[in-house]
PDB file of N, CA and C in Angstrom:
ATOM      1  N   MET A   1     -18.423  12.472 -19.941  1.00  0.00           N
ATOM      2  CA  MET A   1     -18.794  11.906 -18.454  1.00  0.00           C
ATOM      3  C   MET A   1     -19.732  11.097 -18.422  1.00  0.00           C
ATOM      4  N   GLU A   2     -21.103  11.422 -18.785  1.00  0.00           N
ATOM      5  CA  GLU A   2     -22.157  10.706 -18.781  1.00  0.00           C
ATOM      6  C   GLU A   2     -22.078   9.137 -19.642  1.00  0.00           C
ATOM      7  N   ALA A   3     -21.169   9.310 -20.719  1.00  0.00           N
ATOM      8  CA  ALA A   3     -21.067   8.034 -21.098  1.00  0.00           C
ATOM      9  C   ALA A   3     -20.004   7.004 -20.205  1.00  0.00           C
ATOM     10  N   VAL A   4     -19.087   7.401 -19.466  1.00  0.00           N
ATOM     11  CA  VAL A   4     -18.174   6.910 -18.692  1.00  0.00           C
ATOM     12  C   VAL A   4     -19.133   6.018 -17.455  1.00  0.00           C
ATOM     13  N   LEU A   5     -20.022   7.096 -17.101  1.00  0.00           N
ATOM     14  CA  LEU A   5     -20.621   6.712 -15.874  1.00  0.00           C
ATOM     15  C   LEU A   5     -21.566   5.501 -16.362  1.00  0.00           C
ATOM     16  N   ALA A   6     -22.125   5.781 -17.403  1.00  0.00           N
ATOM     17  CA  ALA A   6     -23.000   4.620 -17.769  1.00  0.00           C
ATOM     18  C   ALA A   6     -22.467   3.475 -18.252  1.00  0.00           C
ATOM     19  N   THR A   7     -21.152   3.369 -18.517  1.00  0.00           N
ATOM     20  CA  THR A   7     -20.585   2.233 -18.819  1.00  0.00           C
ATOM     21  C   THR A   7     -20.141   1.101 -17.856  1.00  0.00           C
ATOM     22  N   PRO A   8     -20.493  -0.204 -17.771  1.00  0.00           N
ATOM     23  CA  PRO A   8     -20.217  -1.047 -16.979  1.00  0.00           C
ATOM     24  C   PRO A   8     -18.643  -1.363 -16.689  1.00  0.00           C
ATOM     25  N   THR A   9     -18.581  -1.328 -15.316  1.00  0.00           N
ATOM     26  CA  THR A   9     -17.047  -1.232 -14.719  1.00  0.00           C
ATOM     27  C   THR A   9     -16.317  -2.659 -15.395  1.00  0.00           C
ATOM     28  N   TYR A  10     -16.892  -3.757 -15.731  1.00  0.00           N
ATOM     29  CA  TYR A  10     -16.279  -4.767 -16.454  1.00  0.00           C
ATOM     30  C   TYR A  10     -15.787  -4.630 -17.694  1.00  0.00           C
ATOM     31  N   GLN A  11     -16.582  -3.491 -18.573  1.00  0.00           N
ATOM     32  CA  GLN A  11     -15.913  -2.833 -19.833  1.00  0.00           C
ATOM     33  C   GLN A  11     -14.838  -1.883 -19.597  1.00  0.00           C
ATOM     34  N   LEU A  12     -14.687  -1.158 -18.600  1.00  0.00           N
ATOM     35  CA  LEU A  12     -13.774  -0.352 -18.346  1.00  0.00           C
ATOM     36  C   LEU A  12     -12.379  -0.781 -18.242  1.00  0.00           C
ATOM     37  N   THR A  13     -12.276  -2.219 -17.744  1.00  0.00           N
ATOM     38  CA  THR A  13     -11.196  -2.847 -17.378  1.00  0.00           C
ATOM     39  C   THR A  13     -11.035  -4.178 -18.263  1.00  0.00           C
ATOM     40  N   ARG A  14     -11.918  -4.428 -19.563  1.00  0.00           N
ATOM     41  CA  ARG A  14     -11.868  -5.314 -20.401  1.00  0.00           C
ATOM     42  C   ARG A  14     -10.385  -5.960 -20.385  1.00  0.00           C
ATOM     43  N   GLY A  15     -10.301  -7.161 -20.643  1.00  0.00           N
ATOM     44  CA  GLY A  15      -8.977  -7.806 -20.983  1.00  0.00           C
ATOM     45  C   GLY A  15      -7.987  -7.664 -19.557  1.00  0.00           C
ATOM     46  N   GLY A  16      -8.313  -7.104 -18.482  1.00  0.00           N
ATOM     47  CA  GLY A  16      -7.409  -6.885 -17.392  1.00  0.00           C
ATOM     48  C   GLY A  16      -6.758  -5.839 -17.421  1.00  0.00           C
ATOM     49  N   HIS A  17      -6.877  -4.761 -18.355  1.00  0.00           N
ATOM     50  CA  HIS A  17      -6.467  -3.646 -18.375  1.00  0.00           C
ATOM     51  C   HIS A  17      -7.057  -2.166 -17.730  1.00  0.00           C
ATOM     52  N   ASP A  18      -6.161  -1.870 -16.803  1.00  0.00           N
ATOM     53  CA  ASP A  18      -6.948  -0.855 -15.901  1.00  0.00           C
ATOM     54  C   ASP A  18      -7.068   0.530 -16.777  1.00  0.00           C
ATOM     55  N   ARG A  19      -8.255   1.216 -16.498  1.00  0.00           N
ATOM     56  CA  ARG A  19      -8.342   2.410 -17.498  1.00  0.00           C
ATOM     57  C   ARG A  19      -8.508   2.243 -18.768  1.00  0.00           C
ATOM     58  N   LEU A  20      -9.030   1.203 -19.330  1.00  0.00           N
ATOM     59  CA  LEU A  20      -9.096   0.939 -20.826  1.00  0.00           C
ATOM     60  C   LEU A  20      -9.743   1.776 -21.562  1.00  0.00           C
ATOM     61  N   LEU A  21     -10.914   2.013 -21.038  1.00  0.00           N
ATOM     62  CA  LEU A  21     -11.521   3.079 -21.975  1.00  0.00           C
ATOM     63  C   LEU A  21     -11.105   4.463 -21.968  1.00  0.00           C
ATOM     64  N   ALA A  22     -10.345   4.918 -21.091  1.00  0.00           N
ATOM     65  CA  ALA A  22      -9.697   6.248 -21.198  1.00  0.00           C
ATOM     66  C   ALA A  22      -8.345   6.201 -21.951  1.00  0.00           C
ATOM     67  N   ARG A  23      -7.707   4.938 -21.959  1.00  0.00           N
ATOM     68  CA  ARG A  23      -6.780   4.920 -22.745  1.00  0.00           C
ATOM     69  C   ARG A  23      -6.915   4.576 -24.307  1.00  0.00           C
ATOM     70  N   ASN A  24      -8.108   4.171 -24.540  1.00  0.00           N
ATOM     71  CA  ASN A  24      -8.709   3.663 -25.969  1.00  0.00           C
ATOM     72  C   ASN A  24      -9.221   5.330 -26.336  1.00  0.00           C
ATOM     73  N   ALA A  25      -9.856   5.840 -25.517  1.00  0.00           N
ATOM     74  CA  ALA A  25     -10.168   7.350 -25.920  1.00  0.00           C
ATOM     75  C   ALA A  25      -9.278   8.110 -26.388  1.00  0.00           C
ATOM     76  N   PHE A  26      -7.974   8.183 -25.662  1.00  0.00           N
ATOM     77  CA  PHE A  26      -6.883   8.900 -26.043  1.00  0.00           C
ATOM     78  C   PHE A  26      -5.745   8.119 -26.756  1.00  0.00           C
ATOM     79  N   ALA A  27      -6.005   7.125 -27.423  1.00  0.00           N
ATOM     80  CA  ALA A  27      -5.018   6.390 -27.891  1.00  0.00           C
ATOM     81  C   ALA A  27      -4.127   7.164 -29.097  1.00  0.00           C
ATOM     82  N   ASP A  28      -4.469   7.979 -29.766  1.00  0.00           N
ATOM     83  CA  ASP A  28      -3.966   8.748 -30.605  1.00  0.00           C
ATOM     84  C   ASP A  28      -3.011   9.631 -30.347  1.00  0.00           C
ATOM     85  N   ARG A  29      -3.125  10.059 -28.923  1.00  0.00           N
ATOM     86  CA  ARG A  29      -2.196  10.971 -28.259  1.00  0.00           C
ATOM     87  C   ARG A  29      -1.376  10.388 -26.959  1.00  0.00           C
ATOM     88  N   LEU A  30      -1.336   9.373 -26.885  1.00  0.00           N
ATOM     89  CA  LEU A  30      -0.561   8.672 -25.771  1.00  0.00           C
ATOM     90  C   LEU A  30       0.436   7.717 -26.163  1.00  0.00           C
ATOM     91  N   PRO A  31       1.657   7.716 -25.536  1.00  0.00           N
ATOM     92  CA  PRO A  31       2.910   6.876 -26.137  1.00  0.00           C
ATOM     93  C   PRO A  31       2.362   5.569 -26.057  1.00  0.00           C
ATOM     94  N   THR A  32       2.946   4.788 -26.915  1.00  0.00           N
ATOM     95  CA  THR A  32       2.809   3.223 -26.934  1.00  0.00           C
ATOM     96  C   THR A  32       2.948   2.593 -25.470  1.00  0.00           C
ATOM     97  N   ILE A  33       3.784   3.046 -24.639  1.00  0.00           N
ATOM     98  CA  ILE A  33       4.313   2.399 -23.643  1.00  0.00           C
ATOM     99  C   ILE A  33       3.298   2.533 -22.675  1.00  0.00           C
ATOM    100  N   LEU A  34       2.601   3.655 -22.611  1.00  0.00           N
ATOM    101  CA  LEU A  34       1.187   4.060 -21.669  1.00  0.00           C
ATOM    102  C   LEU A  34       0.016   3.407 -22.157  1.00  0.00           C
ATOM    103  N   LEU A  35      -0.082   2.992 -23.294  1.00  0.00           N
ATOM    104  CA  LEU A  35      -1.158   2.134 -23.712  1.00  0.00           C
ATOM    105  C   LEU A  35      -0.908   0.632 -23.516  1.00  0.00           C
ATOM    106  N   GLN A  36       0.051   0.178 -23.408  1.00  0.00           N
ATOM    107  CA  GLN A  36       0.392  -1.070 -23.034  1.00  0.00           C
ATOM    108  C   GLN A  36       0.443  -1.427 -21.497  1.00  0.00           C
ATOM    109  N   ARG A  37       0.767  -0.495 -20.891  1.00  0.00           N
ATOM    110  CA  ARG A  37       1.077  -0.747 -19.244  1.00  0.00           C
ATOM    111  C   ARG A  37      -0.200  -1.473 -18.796  1.00  0.00           C
ATOM    112  N   ARG A  38       0.126  -2.084 -17.581  1.00  0.00           N
ATOM    113  CA  ARG A  38      -1.252  -2.557 -17.198  1.00  0.00           C
ATOM    114  C   ARG A  38      -1.588  -2.115 -15.752  1.00  0.00           C
ATOM    115  N   SER A  39      -0.671  -1.328 -15.081  1.00  0.00           N
ATOM    116  CA  SER A  39      -1.099  -0.478 -13.984  1.00  0.00           C
ATOM    117  C   SER A  39       0.093   0.518 -13.700  1.00  0.00           C
ATOM    118  N   LYS A  40      -0.261   1.487 -12.846  1.00  0.00           N
ATOM    119  CA  LYS A  40       0.618   2.578 -12.441  1.00  0.00           C
ATOM    120  C   LYS A  40       1.672   2.027 -11.491  1.00  0.00           C
ATOM    121  N   ALA A  41       2.501   2.808 -11.400  1.00  0.00           N
ATOM    122  CA  ALA A  41       3.749   2.419 -10.415  1.00  0.00           C
ATOM    123  C   ALA A  41       3.211   2.614  -9.075  1.00  0.00           C
ATOM    124  N   GLU A  42       3.842   1.655  -8.244  1.00  0.00           N
ATOM    125  CA  GLU A  42       3.406   1.730  -7.009  1.00  0.00           C
ATOM    126  C   GLU A  42       4.553   2.282  -5.961  1.00  0.00           C
ATOM    127  N   LEU A  43       4.392   2.540  -4.558  1.00  0.00           N
ATOM    128  CA  LEU A  43       5.456   3.009  -3.808  1.00  0.00           C
ATOM    129  C   LEU A  43       5.875   1.886  -2.847  1.00  0.00           C
ATOM    130  N   SER A  44       5.881   0.659  -3.052  1.00  0.00           N
ATOM    131  CA  SER A  44       6.486  -0.466  -2.216  1.00  0.00           C
ATOM    132  C   SER A  44       7.727  -0.382  -2.146  1.00  0.00           C
ATOM    133  N   GLY A  45       8.511   0.072  -2.831  1.00  0.00           N
ATOM    134  CA  GLY A  45       9.928   0.332  -2.803  1.00  0.00           C
ATOM    135  C   GLY A  45      10.382   1.520  -2.133  1.00  0.00           C
ATOM    136  N   TYR A  46       9.772   2.466  -2.076  1.00  0.00           N
ATOM    137  CA  TYR A  46       9.661   3.609  -1.340  1.00  0.00           C
ATOM    138  C   TYR A  46       9.464   3.282   0.453  1.00  0.00           C
ATOM    139  N   TYR A  47       8.297   2.583   0.389  1.00  0.00           N
ATOM    140  CA  TYR A  47       7.909   2.208   1.805  1.00  0.00           C
ATOM    141  C   TYR A  47       8.838   1.205   2.545  1.00  0.00           C
ATOM    142  N   GLY A  48       9.156   0.343   1.755  1.00  0.00           N
ATOM    143  CA  GLY A  48      10.239  -0.559   2.041  1.00  0.00           C
ATOM    144  C   GLY A  48      11.645   0.103   2.580  1.00  0.00           C
ATOM    145  N   ARG A  49      12.118   1.014   1.799  1.00  0.00           N
ATOM    146  CA  ARG A  49      13.136   1.654   2.229  1.00  0.00           C
ATOM    147  C   ARG A  49      12.800   2.844   3.437  1.00  0.00           C
ATOM    148  N   VAL A  50      11.970   3.134   3.373  1.00  0.00           N
ATOM    149  CA  VAL A  50      11.528   3.898   4.833  1.00  0.00           C
ATOM    150  C   VAL A  50      11.688   2.924   6.099  1.00  0.00           C
ATOM    151  N   LEU A  51      10.797   2.028   5.907  1.00  0.00           N
ATOM    152  CA  LEU A  51      10.796   1.067   7.132  1.00  0.00           C
ATOM    153  C   LEU A  51      12.042   0.402   7.470  1.00  0.00           C
ATOM    154  N   ALA A  52      12.643  -0.048   6.590  1.00  0.00           N
ATOM    155  CA  ALA A  52      14.057  -0.594   6.972  1.00  0.00           C
ATOM    156  C   ALA A  52      14.867   0.432   7.522  1.00  0.00           C
ATOM    157  N   ALA A  53      15.067   2.001   7.120  1.00  0.00           N
ATOM    158  CA  ALA A  53      15.777   2.785   7.403  1.00  0.00           C
ATOM    159  C   ALA A  53      15.329   3.132   8.987  1.00  0.00           C
ATOM    160  N   ASN A  54      14.152   2.816   9.327  1.00  0.00           N
ATOM    161  CA  ASN A  54      13.617   3.206  10.607  1.00  0.00           C
ATOM    162  C   ASN A  54      13.247   2.078  11.599  1.00  0.00           C
ATOM    163  N   LEU A  55      13.631   0.835  11.432  1.00  0.00           N
ATOM    164  CA  LEU A  55      13.407  -0.307  11.925  1.00  0.00           C
ATOM    165  C   LEU A  55      13.511  -0.325  13.559  1.00  0.00           C
ATOM    166  N   ASN A  56      14.660   0.506  13.945  1.00  0.00           N
ATOM    167  CA  ASN A  56      15.282   0.642  15.326  1.00  0.00           C
ATOM    168  C   ASN A  56      14.062   1.414  15.961  1.00  0.00           C
ATOM    169  N   GLN A  57      13.539   2.415  15.346  1.00  0.00           N
ATOM    170  CA  GLN A  57      12.230   3.303  15.975  1.00  0.00           C
ATOM    171  C   GLN A  57      10.977   2.514  16.038  1.00  0.00           C
ATOM    172  N   LEU A  58      10.652   1.892  14.956  1.00  0.00           N
ATOM    173  CA  LEU A  58       9.574   1.255  14.713  1.00  0.00           C
ATOM    174  C   LEU A  58       9.269   0.141  15.505  1.00  0.00           C
ATOM    175  N   ARG A  59      10.209  -0.778  15.717  1.00  0.00           N
ATOM    176  CA  ARG A  59       9.923  -2.161  16.398  1.00  0.00           C
ATOM    177  C   ARG A  59       9.231  -1.662  17.916  1.00  0.00           C
ATOM    178  N   PRO A  60      10.227  -0.777  18.929  1.00  0.00           N
ATOM    179  CA  PRO A  60       9.587  -0.424  20.093  1.00  0.00           C
ATOM    180  C   PRO A  60       7.911   0.342  19.913  1.00  0.00           C
ATOM    181  N   HIS A  61       8.002   1.228  19.040  1.00  0.00           N
ATOM    182  CA  HIS A  61       6.517   1.801  18.985  1.00  0.00           C
ATOM    183  C   HIS A  61       5.653   0.905  18.371  1.00  0.00           C
ATOM    184  N   LEU A  62       5.810  -0.287  18.100  1.00  0.00           N
ATOM    185  CA  LEU A  62       4.769  -1.315  17.436  1.00  0.00           C
ATOM    186  C   LEU A  62       4.777  -2.191  18.562  1.00  0.00           C
ATOM    187  N   LEU A  63       5.864  -2.803  18.944  1.00  0.00           N
ATOM    188  CA  LEU A  63       5.718  -4.155  19.718  1.00  0.00           C
ATOM    189  C   LEU A  63       5.856  -3.815  21.342  1.00  0.00           C
ATOM    190  N   GLU A  64       6.091  -2.371  21.660  1.00  0.00           N
ATOM    191  CA  GLU A  64       5.785  -2.027  23.137  1.00  0.00           C
ATOM    192  C   GLU A  64       4.754  -0.839  23.160  1.00  0.00           C
ATOM    193  N   GLY A  65       3.641  -0.744  21.819  1.00  0.00           N
ATOM    194  CA  GLY A  65       3.052   0.454  21.975  1.00  0.00           C
ATOM    195  C   GLY A  65       1.586  -0.174  22.615  1.00  0.00           C
ATOM    196  N   ARG A  66       0.432   0.623  22.793  1.00  0.00           N
ATOM    197  CA  ARG A  66      -0.740   0.582  23.289  1.00  0.00           C
ATOM    198  C   ARG A  66      -1.525  -0.599  22.402  1.00  0.00           C
ATOM    199  N   LEU A  67      -1.322  -0.595  21.076  1.00  0.00           N
ATOM    200  CA  LEU A  67      -2.245  -1.905  20.442  1.00  0.00           C
ATOM    201  C   LEU A  67      -1.746  -3.315  20.956  1.00  0.00           C
ATOM    202  N   ALA A  68      -0.262  -3.294  21.106  1.00  0.00           N
ATOM    203  CA  ALA A  68       0.268  -4.542  21.542  1.00  0.00           C
ATOM    204  C   ALA A  68      -0.375  -4.815  22.950  1.00  0.00           C
ATOM    205  N   GLY A  69      -0.042  -3.738  23.511  1.00  0.00           N
ATOM    206  CA  GLY A  69      -0.563  -3.646  25.069  1.00  0.00           C
ATOM    207  C   GLY A  69      -1.890  -4.327  25.355  1.00  0.00           C
ATOM    208  N   GLN A  70      -2.670  -3.902  24.474  1.00  0.00           N
ATOM    209  CA  GLN A  70      -3.979  -4.237  24.649  1.00  0.00           C
ATOM    210  C   GLN A  70      -4.652  -5.512  24.045  1.00  0.00           C
ATOM    211  N   GLY A  71      -3.485  -6.142  23.639  1.00  0.00           N
ATOM    212  CA  GLY A  71      -3.640  -7.549  22.475  1.00  0.00           C
ATOM    213  C   GLY A  71      -4.399  -7.341  21.182  1.00  0.00           C
ATOM    214  N   LEU A  72      -4.392  -5.845  20.934  1.00  0.00           N
ATOM    215  CA  LEU A  72      -5.139  -5.703  19.346  1.00  0.00           C
ATOM    216  C   LEU A  72      -4.421  -6.390  18.280  1.00  0.00           C
ATOM    217  N   ILE A  73      -3.200  -6.410  18.278  1.00  0.00           N
ATOM    218  CA  ILE A  73      -2.371  -6.771  17.316  1.00  0.00           C
ATOM    219  C   ILE A  73      -1.409  -8.199  17.789  1.00  0.00           C
ATOM    220  N   ASN A  74      -1.373  -9.183  16.946  1.00  0.00           N
ATOM    221  CA  ASN A  74      -0.583 -10.355  17.122  1.00  0.00           C
ATOM    222  C   ASN A  74       1.025  -9.674  17.172  1.00  0.00           C
ATOM    223  N   ARG A  75       1.377  -9.401  18.273  1.00  0.00           N
ATOM    224  CA  ARG A  75       2.844  -9.255  18.604  1.00  0.00           C
ATOM    225  C   ARG A  75       3.713 -10.041  17.792  1.00  0.00           C
ATOM    226  N   ASP A  76       3.459 -11.422  17.899  1.00  0.00           N
ATOM    227  CA  ASP A  76       4.554 -12.358  17.243  1.00  0.00           C
ATOM    228  C   ASP A  76       4.532 -12.029  15.762  1.00  0.00           C
ATOM    229  N   GLN A  77       3.664 -11.537  15.368  1.00  0.00           N
ATOM    230  CA  GLN A  77       3.301 -11.500  13.735  1.00  0.00           C
ATOM    231  C   GLN A  77       3.758 -10.285  13.267  1.00  0.00           C
ATOM    232  N   VAL A  78       3.850  -9.308  14.012  1.00  0.00           N
ATOM    233  CA  VAL A  78       4.260  -7.886  13.655  1.00  0.00           C
ATOM    234  C   VAL A  78       5.944  -8.046  13.891  1.00  0.00           C
ATOM    235  N   GLU A  79       6.481  -8.570  14.887  1.00  0.00           N
ATOM    236  CA  GLU A  79       7.668  -8.850  15.381  1.00  0.00           C
ATOM    237  C   GLU A  79       8.452  -9.420  13.952  1.00  0.00           C
ATOM    238  N   ALA A  80       7.843 -10.629  13.703  1.00  0.00           N
ATOM    239  CA  ALA A  80       8.060 -11.046  12.279  1.00  0.00           C
ATOM    240  C   ALA A  80       8.211 -10.513  11.179  1.00  0.00           C
ATOM    241  N   ALA A  81       7.280  -9.288  10.949  1.00  0.00           N
ATOM    242  CA  ALA A  81       6.974  -8.595   9.726  1.00  0.00           C
ATOM    243  C   ALA A  81       8.149  -7.581   9.693  1.00  0.00           C
ATOM    244  N   LEU A  82       8.624  -7.316  10.908  1.00  0.00           N
ATOM    245  CA  LEU A  82       9.611  -6.240  11.134  1.00  0.00           C
ATOM    246  C   LEU A  82      11.149  -6.712  10.936  1.00  0.00           C
ATOM    247  N   ARG A  83      11.108  -7.782  10.392  1.00  0.00           N
ATOM    248  CA  ARG A  83      12.831  -8.369  10.036  1.00  0.00           C
ATOM    249  C   ARG A  83      12.936  -7.905   8.572  1.00  0.00           C
ATOM    250  N   VAL A  84      14.121  -7.525   8.483  1.00  0.00           N
ATOM    251  CA  VAL A  84      14.512  -7.191   7.232  1.00  0.00           C
ATOM    252  C   VAL A  84      14.438  -8.354   5.979  1.00  0.00           C
ATOM    253  N   GLU A  85      14.494  -9.432   6.316  1.00  0.00           N
ATOM    254  CA  GLU A  85      14.441 -10.562   5.494  1.00  0.00           C
ATOM    255  C   GLU A  85      12.820 -10.704   5.025  1.00  0.00           C
ATOM    256  N   HIS A  86      11.986 -10.514   6.217  1.00  0.00           N
ATOM    257  CA  HIS A  86      10.424 -10.437   5.886  1.00  0.00           C
ATOM    258  C   HIS A  86      10.065  -9.412   4.957  1.00  0.00           C
ATOM    259  N   LEU A  87      10.694  -8.343   5.337  1.00  0.00           N
ATOM    260  CA  LEU A  87      10.205  -7.148   4.326  1.00  0.00           C
ATOM    261  C   LEU A  87      10.775  -7.487   2.714  1.00  0.00           C
ATOM    262  N   ILE A  88      12.216  -7.770   2.739  1.00  0.00           N
ATOM    263  CA  ILE A  88      12.486  -8.092   1.273  1.00  0.00           C
ATOM    264  C   ILE A  88      11.663  -9.199   0.678  1.00  0.00           C
ATOM    265  N   TRP A  89      11.356 -10.079   1.274  1.00  0.00           N
ATOM    266  CA  TRP A  89      10.975 -11.409   0.725  1.00  0.00           C
ATOM    267  C   TRP A  89       9.227 -11.623   0.850  1.00  0.00           C
ATOM    268  N   GLN A  90       8.669 -10.805   1.639  1.00  0.00           N
ATOM    269  CA  GLN A  90       7.233 -10.879   1.767  1.00  0.00           C
ATOM    270  C   GLN A  90       6.673  -9.440   1.344  1.00  0.00           C
ATOM    271  N   GLY A  91       7.295  -8.360   1.684  1.00  0.00           N
ATOM    272  CA  GLY A  91       6.701  -7.157   1.701  1.00  0.00           C
ATOM    273  C   GLY A  91       5.727  -6.840   2.974  1.00  0.00           C
ATOM    274  N   GLY A  92       4.514  -6.242   2.714  1.00  0.00           N
ATOM    275  CA  GLY A  92       3.585  -5.906   3.866  1.00  0.00           C
ATOM    276  C   GLY A  92       3.821  -4.527   3.974  1.00  0.00           C
ATOM    277  N   TYR A  93       4.655  -3.864   3.401  1.00  0.00           N
ATOM    278  CA  TYR A  93       4.834  -2.168   3.738  1.00  0.00           C
ATOM    279  C   TYR A  93       3.640  -1.525   4.093  1.00  0.00           C
ATOM    280  N   GLY A  94       2.793  -1.617   3.267  1.00  0.00           N
ATOM    281  CA  GLY A  94       1.545  -0.613   3.506  1.00  0.00           C
ATOM    282  C   GLY A  94       0.993  -1.016   4.833  1.00  0.00           C
ATOM    283  N   GLU A  95       0.792  -2.275   5.201  1.00  0.00           N
ATOM    284  CA  GLU A  95       0.209  -2.485   6.485  1.00  0.00           C
ATOM    285  C   GLU A  95       0.819  -2.167   7.578  1.00  0.00           C
ATOM    286  N   LEU A  96       2.314  -2.203   7.578  1.00  0.00           N
ATOM    287  CA  LEU A  96       3.079  -1.923   8.593  1.00  0.00           C
ATOM    288  C   LEU A  96       2.843  -0.229   8.652  1.00  0.00           C
ATOM    289  N   MET A  97       2.896   0.309   7.658  1.00  0.00           N
ATOM    290  CA  MET A  97       2.870   1.666   7.779  1.00  0.00           C
ATOM    291  C   MET A  97       1.420   2.147   8.315  1.00  0.00           C
ATOM    292  N   VAL A  98       0.301   1.454   7.843  1.00  0.00           N
ATOM    293  CA  VAL A  98      -0.846   2.096   8.591  1.00  0.00           C
ATOM    294  C   VAL A  98      -0.900   1.628  10.045  1.00  0.00           C
ATOM    295  N   LEU A  99      -0.337   0.476  10.377  1.00  0.00           N
ATOM    296  CA  LEU A  99      -0.187  -0.013  11.928  1.00  0.00           C
ATOM    297  C   LEU A  99       0.498   1.158  12.617  1.00  0.00           C
ATOM    298  N   ALA A 100       1.631   1.617  11.916  1.00  0.00           N
ATOM    299  CA  ALA A 100       2.332   2.839  12.885  1.00  0.00           C
ATOM    300  C   ALA A 100       1.694   3.848  12.683  1.00  0.00           C
ATOM    301  N   LEU A 101       0.754   4.182  11.787  1.00  0.00           N
ATOM    302  CA  LEU A 101       0.048   5.334  11.649  1.00  0.00           C
ATOM    303  C   LEU A 101      -1.213   5.253  13.135  1.00  0.00           C
ATOM    304  N   VAL A 102      -1.707   4.045  13.014  1.00  0.00           N
ATOM    305  CA  VAL A 102      -2.813   4.019  13.913  1.00  0.00           C
ATOM    306  C   VAL A 102      -2.248   4.038  15.396  1.00  0.00           C
ATOM    307  N   GLU A 103      -1.097   3.499  15.593  1.00  0.00           N
ATOM    308  CA  GLU A 103      -0.472   3.334  16.886  1.00  0.00           C
ATOM    309  C   GLU A 103      -0.148   4.806  17.221  1.00  0.00           C
ATOM    310  N   SER A 104       0.411   5.605  16.362  1.00  0.00           N
ATOM    311  CA  SER A 104       0.572   7.016  16.663  1.00  0.00           C
ATOM    312  C   SER A 104      -0.422   7.943  17.045  1.00  0.00           C
ATOM    313  N   TRP A 105      -1.622   7.461  16.325  1.00  0.00           N
ATOM    314  CA  TRP A 105      -2.866   8.206  16.550  1.00  0.00           C
ATOM    315  C   TRP A 105      -3.075   8.105  17.883  1.00  0.00           C
ATOM    316  N   LEU A 106      -3.347   6.592  18.344  1.00  0.00           N
ATOM    317  CA  LEU A 106      -3.778   6.200  19.500  1.00  0.00           C
ATOM    318  C   LEU A 106      -2.869   6.915  20.647  1.00  0.00           C
ATOM    319  N   GLN A 107      -1.652   6.676  20.422  1.00  0.00           N
ATOM    320  CA  GLN A 107      -0.426   7.375  21.343  1.00  0.00           C
ATOM    321  C   GLN A 107      -0.936   8.937  21.488  1.00  0.00           C
ATOM    322  N   ALA A 108      -1.263   9.495  20.471  1.00  0.00           N
ATOM    323  CA  ALA A 108      -1.557  11.067  20.357  1.00  0.00           C
ATOM    324  C   ALA A 108      -3.010  11.217  21.142  1.00  0.00           C
ATOM    325  N   TRP A 109      -3.685  10.482  20.789  1.00  0.00           N
ATOM    326  CA  TRP A 109      -5.232  10.544  21.519  1.00  0.00           C
ATOM    327  C   TRP A 109      -5.254  10.254  23.019  1.00  0.00           C
ATOM    328  N   LYS A 110      -4.520   9.532  23.160  1.00  0.00           N
ATOM    329  CA  LYS A 110      -4.563   9.005  24.784  1.00  0.00           C
ATOM    330  C   LYS A 110      -3.878  10.153  25.631  1.00  0.00           C
ATOM    331  N   ARG A 111      -2.874  10.768  25.036  1.00  0.00           N
ATOM    332  CA  ARG A 111      -2.379  11.896  25.850  1.00  0.00           C
ATOM    333  C   ARG A 111      -3.418  12.993  26.002  1.00  0.00           C
TER     334      ARG A 111
END
């Protein structure tokens, strides 16, 4: 643990490889595919499917919610981001999920 904490972060990710030090330390025990991958899987596909399946509920939640009502979000940008085409080509799932969570929290707090 002390050796890792004493190692500068730029050495931990040398060559653009995430978790390089850990991979090198366990190279003899890890499958080659793990040693060569550059990052872990992400949840963008999952978030995209969840958002696409719930667009009919999400649109009014965000576009008619308290954040929009107070001018705290750019309603036009959010409306554009909630189009299936935008979700497919531009992504932005994480930001929309966070926005929905903040809106839900705000509505619950105001009650």
